[in-house]
């Protein structure tokens, strides 16, 4: 999984039938210290995140394994909301 920050939403009126009825969010990957990376995804939201919130995304075929994303043409799904990160020695990680 990858940690991301929601930076916006995507509206698409013309799309594959498998994408109808799902919320698409524009997300940006973040580092362990929460600084933004130059890496972006459009992901189906399965947990109800809003702009500015942190989440975890699954990508590739794993993204299609939730109840909401099964049988949909997707490559990324937000599968968890990040509420807190606990690290003892962040200096050794960064």
N, C-alpha and C. Protein backbone atom coordinates (compact mmCIF):
# COMPACT_ATOMS: atom_id res chain seq x y z
N UNK A 1 0.84 -1.18 0.00
CA UNK A 1 0.00 0.00 0.00
C UNK A 1 0.88 1.24 0.00
N UNK A 2 0.27 2.33 -0.45
CA UNK A 2 0.97 3.60 -0.53
C UNK A 2 0.17 4.64 0.25
N UNK A 3 0.88 5.55 0.96
CA UNK A 3 0.18 6.60 1.70
C UNK A 3 0.02 7.81 0.79
N UNK A 4 -1.21 8.36 0.78
CA UNK A 4 -1.54 9.47 -0.10
C UNK A 4 -2.35 10.53 0.64
N UNK A 5 -2.37 11.72 0.03
CA UNK A 5 -3.19 12.82 0.52
C UNK A 5 -4.19 13.17 -0.58
N UNK A 6 -5.46 13.34 -0.21
CA UNK A 6 -6.48 13.71 -1.19
C UNK A 6 -6.30 15.19 -1.52
N UNK A 7 -6.14 15.48 -2.82
CA UNK A 7 -5.95 16.87 -3.23
C UNK A 7 -7.10 17.38 -4.11
N UNK A 8 -8.04 16.51 -4.42
CA UNK A 8 -9.17 16.95 -5.22
C UNK A 8 -10.05 15.78 -5.64
N UNK A 9 -11.10 16.10 -6.38
CA UNK A 9 -11.99 15.07 -6.89
C UNK A 9 -12.02 15.15 -8.41
N UNK A 10 -12.50 14.09 -9.02
CA UNK A 10 -12.57 14.02 -10.47
C UNK A 10 -14.02 13.76 -10.87
N UNK A 11 -14.53 14.58 -11.78
CA UNK A 11 -15.86 14.38 -12.32
C UNK A 11 -15.73 13.92 -13.76
N UNK A 12 -16.44 12.85 -14.09
CA UNK A 12 -16.41 12.31 -15.44
C UNK A 12 -17.83 11.92 -15.83
N UNK A 13 -18.39 12.60 -16.80
CA UNK A 13 -19.76 12.28 -17.21
C UNK A 13 -19.81 11.19 -18.27
N UNK A 14 -18.74 11.05 -19.03
CA UNK A 14 -18.66 9.99 -20.04
C UNK A 14 -17.57 9.03 -19.58
N UNK A 15 -17.98 7.79 -19.25
CA UNK A 15 -17.02 6.83 -18.71
C UNK A 15 -17.52 5.41 -18.91
N UNK A 16 -16.66 4.46 -18.68
CA UNK A 16 -17.00 3.05 -18.74
C UNK A 16 -18.11 2.77 -17.72
N UNK A 17 -19.02 1.88 -18.08
CA UNK A 17 -20.13 1.55 -17.18
C UNK A 17 -19.66 1.06 -15.81
N UNK A 18 -18.49 0.42 -15.76
CA UNK A 18 -18.00 -0.10 -14.48
C UNK A 18 -17.60 1.01 -13.51
N UNK A 19 -17.48 2.24 -14.00
CA UNK A 19 -17.09 3.36 -13.14
C UNK A 19 -18.29 4.20 -12.69
N UNK A 20 -19.47 3.86 -13.15
CA UNK A 20 -20.66 4.62 -12.75
C UNK A 20 -20.98 4.36 -11.28
N UNK A 21 -21.30 5.42 -10.57
CA UNK A 21 -21.70 5.30 -9.17
C UNK A 21 -20.56 5.26 -8.17
N UNK A 22 -19.33 5.50 -8.60
CA UNK A 22 -18.21 5.52 -7.65
C UNK A 22 -17.61 6.92 -7.60
N UNK A 23 -17.03 7.24 -6.46
CA UNK A 23 -16.38 8.54 -6.25
C UNK A 23 -14.91 8.42 -6.64
N UNK A 24 -14.48 9.30 -7.56
CA UNK A 24 -13.09 9.32 -8.00
C UNK A 24 -12.36 10.48 -7.33
N UNK A 25 -11.23 10.19 -6.72
CA UNK A 25 -10.44 11.23 -6.06
C UNK A 25 -9.05 11.33 -6.68
N UNK A 26 -8.56 12.56 -6.70
CA UNK A 26 -7.21 12.86 -7.18
C UNK A 26 -6.32 12.87 -5.94
N UNK A 27 -5.34 11.97 -5.89
CA UNK A 27 -4.49 11.85 -4.70
C UNK A 27 -3.02 12.02 -5.05
N UNK A 28 -2.26 12.46 -4.06
CA UNK A 28 -0.82 12.66 -4.22
C UNK A 28 -0.10 11.84 -3.16
N UNK A 29 0.91 11.11 -3.59
CA UNK A 29 1.69 10.32 -2.62
C UNK A 29 2.44 11.24 -1.67
N UNK A 30 2.63 10.77 -0.43
CA UNK A 30 3.39 11.52 0.56
C UNK A 30 4.46 10.62 1.16
N UNK A 31 5.53 11.26 1.61
CA UNK A 31 6.62 10.56 2.28
C UNK A 31 6.24 10.27 3.73
N UNK A 32 7.09 9.55 4.42
CA UNK A 32 6.84 9.19 5.82
C UNK A 32 6.73 10.42 6.72
N UNK A 33 7.41 11.51 6.33
CA UNK A 33 7.33 12.75 7.11
C UNK A 33 6.20 13.65 6.60
N UNK A 34 5.34 13.10 5.74
CA UNK A 34 4.16 13.74 5.17
C UNK A 34 4.46 14.84 4.15
N UNK A 35 5.71 14.94 3.70
CA UNK A 35 6.00 15.86 2.60
C UNK A 35 5.47 15.25 1.31
N UNK A 36 5.02 16.12 0.43
CA UNK A 36 4.40 15.66 -0.81
C UNK A 36 5.44 15.16 -1.80
N UNK A 37 5.07 14.14 -2.54
CA UNK A 37 5.91 13.59 -3.61
C UNK A 37 5.31 13.99 -4.95
N UNK A 38 6.10 13.93 -5.98
CA UNK A 38 5.63 14.27 -7.32
C UNK A 38 5.07 13.02 -8.00
N UNK A 39 4.09 12.38 -7.34
CA UNK A 39 3.51 11.12 -7.78
C UNK A 39 2.00 11.19 -7.53
N UNK A 40 1.18 11.01 -8.56
CA UNK A 40 -0.26 11.23 -8.46
C UNK A 40 -1.04 10.03 -8.97
N UNK A 41 -2.24 9.85 -8.43
CA UNK A 41 -3.15 8.79 -8.87
C UNK A 41 -4.58 9.33 -8.90
N UNK A 42 -5.41 8.72 -9.74
CA UNK A 42 -6.85 8.86 -9.65
C UNK A 42 -7.31 7.55 -9.04
N UNK A 43 -8.00 7.62 -7.90
CA UNK A 43 -8.36 6.40 -7.18
C UNK A 43 -9.84 6.40 -6.82
N UNK A 44 -10.43 5.22 -6.82
CA UNK A 44 -11.80 5.06 -6.33
C UNK A 44 -11.77 5.14 -4.81
N UNK A 45 -12.68 5.92 -4.25
CA UNK A 45 -12.76 6.08 -2.80
C UNK A 45 -13.71 5.03 -2.23
N UNK A 46 -13.18 4.13 -1.40
CA UNK A 46 -14.02 3.10 -0.78
C UNK A 46 -14.30 3.39 0.69
N UNK A 47 -13.73 4.49 1.23
CA UNK A 47 -13.87 4.75 2.67
C UNK A 47 -14.44 6.12 3.00
N UNK A 48 -14.67 6.99 2.02
CA UNK A 48 -15.29 8.28 2.29
C UNK A 48 -14.34 9.38 2.72
N UNK A 49 -13.19 9.49 2.09
CA UNK A 49 -12.23 10.54 2.43
C UNK A 49 -12.63 11.88 1.81
N UNK A 50 -12.14 12.95 2.42
CA UNK A 50 -12.35 14.29 1.90
C UNK A 50 -11.02 14.95 1.59
N UNK A 51 -11.09 16.10 0.95
CA UNK A 51 -9.88 16.82 0.56
C UNK A 51 -9.02 17.13 1.78
N UNK A 52 -7.71 16.88 1.64
CA UNK A 52 -6.75 17.13 2.71
C UNK A 52 -6.52 15.95 3.63
N UNK A 53 -7.35 14.93 3.54
CA UNK A 53 -7.20 13.76 4.43
C UNK A 53 -6.17 12.78 3.86
N UNK A 54 -5.58 12.00 4.76
CA UNK A 54 -4.60 10.98 4.38
C UNK A 54 -5.27 9.62 4.30
N UNK A 55 -4.79 8.83 3.34
CA UNK A 55 -5.32 7.48 3.20
C UNK A 55 -4.26 6.54 2.67
N UNK A 56 -4.64 5.28 2.58
CA UNK A 56 -3.78 4.25 1.99
C UNK A 56 -4.46 3.76 0.73
N UNK A 57 -3.67 3.62 -0.34
CA UNK A 57 -4.23 3.09 -1.58
C UNK A 57 -3.58 1.76 -1.91
N UNK A 58 -4.38 0.91 -2.53
CA UNK A 58 -3.89 -0.31 -3.14
C UNK A 58 -3.90 -0.07 -4.64
N UNK A 59 -2.90 -0.58 -5.34
CA UNK A 59 -2.82 -0.36 -6.78
C UNK A 59 -2.71 -1.69 -7.52
N UNK A 60 -2.91 -1.62 -8.82
CA UNK A 60 -2.83 -2.81 -9.65
C UNK A 60 -4.00 -3.74 -9.39
N UNK A 61 -3.80 -5.02 -9.61
CA UNK A 61 -4.89 -5.99 -9.46
C UNK A 61 -5.41 -6.06 -8.03
N UNK A 62 -4.59 -5.72 -7.04
CA UNK A 62 -5.02 -5.72 -5.65
C UNK A 62 -6.11 -4.69 -5.40
N UNK A 63 -6.12 -3.61 -6.17
CA UNK A 63 -7.14 -2.57 -6.01
C UNK A 63 -8.54 -3.07 -6.32
N UNK A 64 -8.64 -4.17 -7.04
CA UNK A 64 -9.94 -4.71 -7.44
C UNK A 64 -10.50 -5.73 -6.45
N UNK A 65 -9.94 -5.80 -5.25
CA UNK A 65 -10.32 -6.85 -4.30
C UNK A 65 -11.26 -6.38 -3.20
N UNK A 66 -11.79 -5.17 -3.28
CA UNK A 66 -12.76 -4.74 -2.27
C UNK A 66 -14.16 -5.00 -2.79
N UNK A 67 -15.14 -4.95 -1.90
CA UNK A 67 -16.53 -5.15 -2.33
C UNK A 67 -16.95 -4.10 -3.35
N UNK A 68 -16.49 -2.88 -3.20
CA UNK A 68 -16.87 -1.78 -4.08
C UNK A 68 -16.15 -1.86 -5.43
N UNK A 69 -14.92 -2.32 -5.44
CA UNK A 69 -14.11 -2.26 -6.66
C UNK A 69 -14.10 -3.54 -7.49
N UNK A 70 -14.68 -4.60 -6.97
CA UNK A 70 -14.68 -5.87 -7.70
C UNK A 70 -15.34 -5.70 -9.07
N UNK A 71 -14.72 -6.24 -10.10
CA UNK A 71 -15.22 -6.20 -11.48
C UNK A 71 -15.28 -4.80 -12.08
N UNK A 72 -14.47 -3.87 -11.57
CA UNK A 72 -14.41 -2.52 -12.14
C UNK A 72 -13.06 -2.31 -12.82
N UNK A 73 -13.05 -1.46 -13.83
CA UNK A 73 -11.81 -1.15 -14.57
C UNK A 73 -11.04 -0.06 -13.82
N UNK A 74 -10.28 -0.48 -12.83
CA UNK A 74 -9.53 0.49 -12.02
C UNK A 74 -8.10 0.01 -11.83
N UNK A 75 -7.26 0.96 -11.39
CA UNK A 75 -5.87 0.63 -11.08
C UNK A 75 -5.47 1.11 -9.69
N UNK A 76 -6.36 1.89 -9.02
CA UNK A 76 -6.04 2.38 -7.68
C UNK A 76 -7.33 2.54 -6.88
N UNK A 77 -7.28 2.13 -5.60
CA UNK A 77 -8.43 2.27 -4.71
C UNK A 77 -7.96 2.71 -3.34
N UNK A 78 -8.66 3.69 -2.78
CA UNK A 78 -8.38 4.10 -1.41
C UNK A 78 -9.07 3.08 -0.51
N UNK A 79 -8.28 2.40 0.32
CA UNK A 79 -8.81 1.29 1.12
C UNK A 79 -8.78 1.55 2.63
N UNK A 80 -8.17 2.66 3.05
CA UNK A 80 -8.10 2.96 4.49
C UNK A 80 -7.87 4.45 4.70
N UNK A 81 -8.37 4.96 5.81
CA UNK A 81 -8.12 6.34 6.24
C UNK A 81 -6.99 6.30 7.27
N UNK A 82 -5.99 7.17 7.10
CA UNK A 82 -4.89 7.27 8.06
C UNK A 82 -5.27 8.33 9.08
N UNK A 83 -5.41 7.91 10.33
CA UNK A 83 -5.78 8.84 11.39
C UNK A 83 -4.61 9.23 12.27
N UNK A 84 -3.61 8.33 12.34
CA UNK A 84 -2.47 8.59 13.20
C UNK A 84 -1.30 7.74 12.75
N UNK A 85 -0.10 8.29 12.89
CA UNK A 85 1.12 7.55 12.58
C UNK A 85 2.02 7.64 13.80
N UNK A 86 2.42 6.50 14.32
CA UNK A 86 3.30 6.46 15.49
C UNK A 86 4.66 5.89 15.07
N UNK A 87 5.72 6.69 15.24
CA UNK A 87 7.08 6.26 14.93
C UNK A 87 7.98 6.64 16.08
N UNK A 88 8.84 5.72 16.50
CA UNK A 88 9.76 6.02 17.59
C UNK A 88 10.96 6.82 17.12
N UNK A 89 11.58 6.40 16.02
CA UNK A 89 12.80 7.03 15.55
C UNK A 89 12.67 7.44 14.10
N UNK A 90 11.95 8.50 13.84
CA UNK A 90 11.75 8.94 12.46
C UNK A 90 13.08 9.34 11.82
N UNK A 91 14.07 9.78 12.61
CA UNK A 91 15.36 10.18 12.05
C UNK A 91 16.08 9.03 11.37
N UNK A 92 15.82 7.80 11.80
CA UNK A 92 16.45 6.63 11.20
C UNK A 92 15.73 6.19 9.93
N UNK A 93 14.51 6.63 9.73
CA UNK A 93 13.71 6.24 8.58
C UNK A 93 13.91 7.21 7.42
N UNK A 94 13.94 8.49 7.72
CA UNK A 94 14.01 9.51 6.67
C UNK A 94 15.39 9.62 6.11
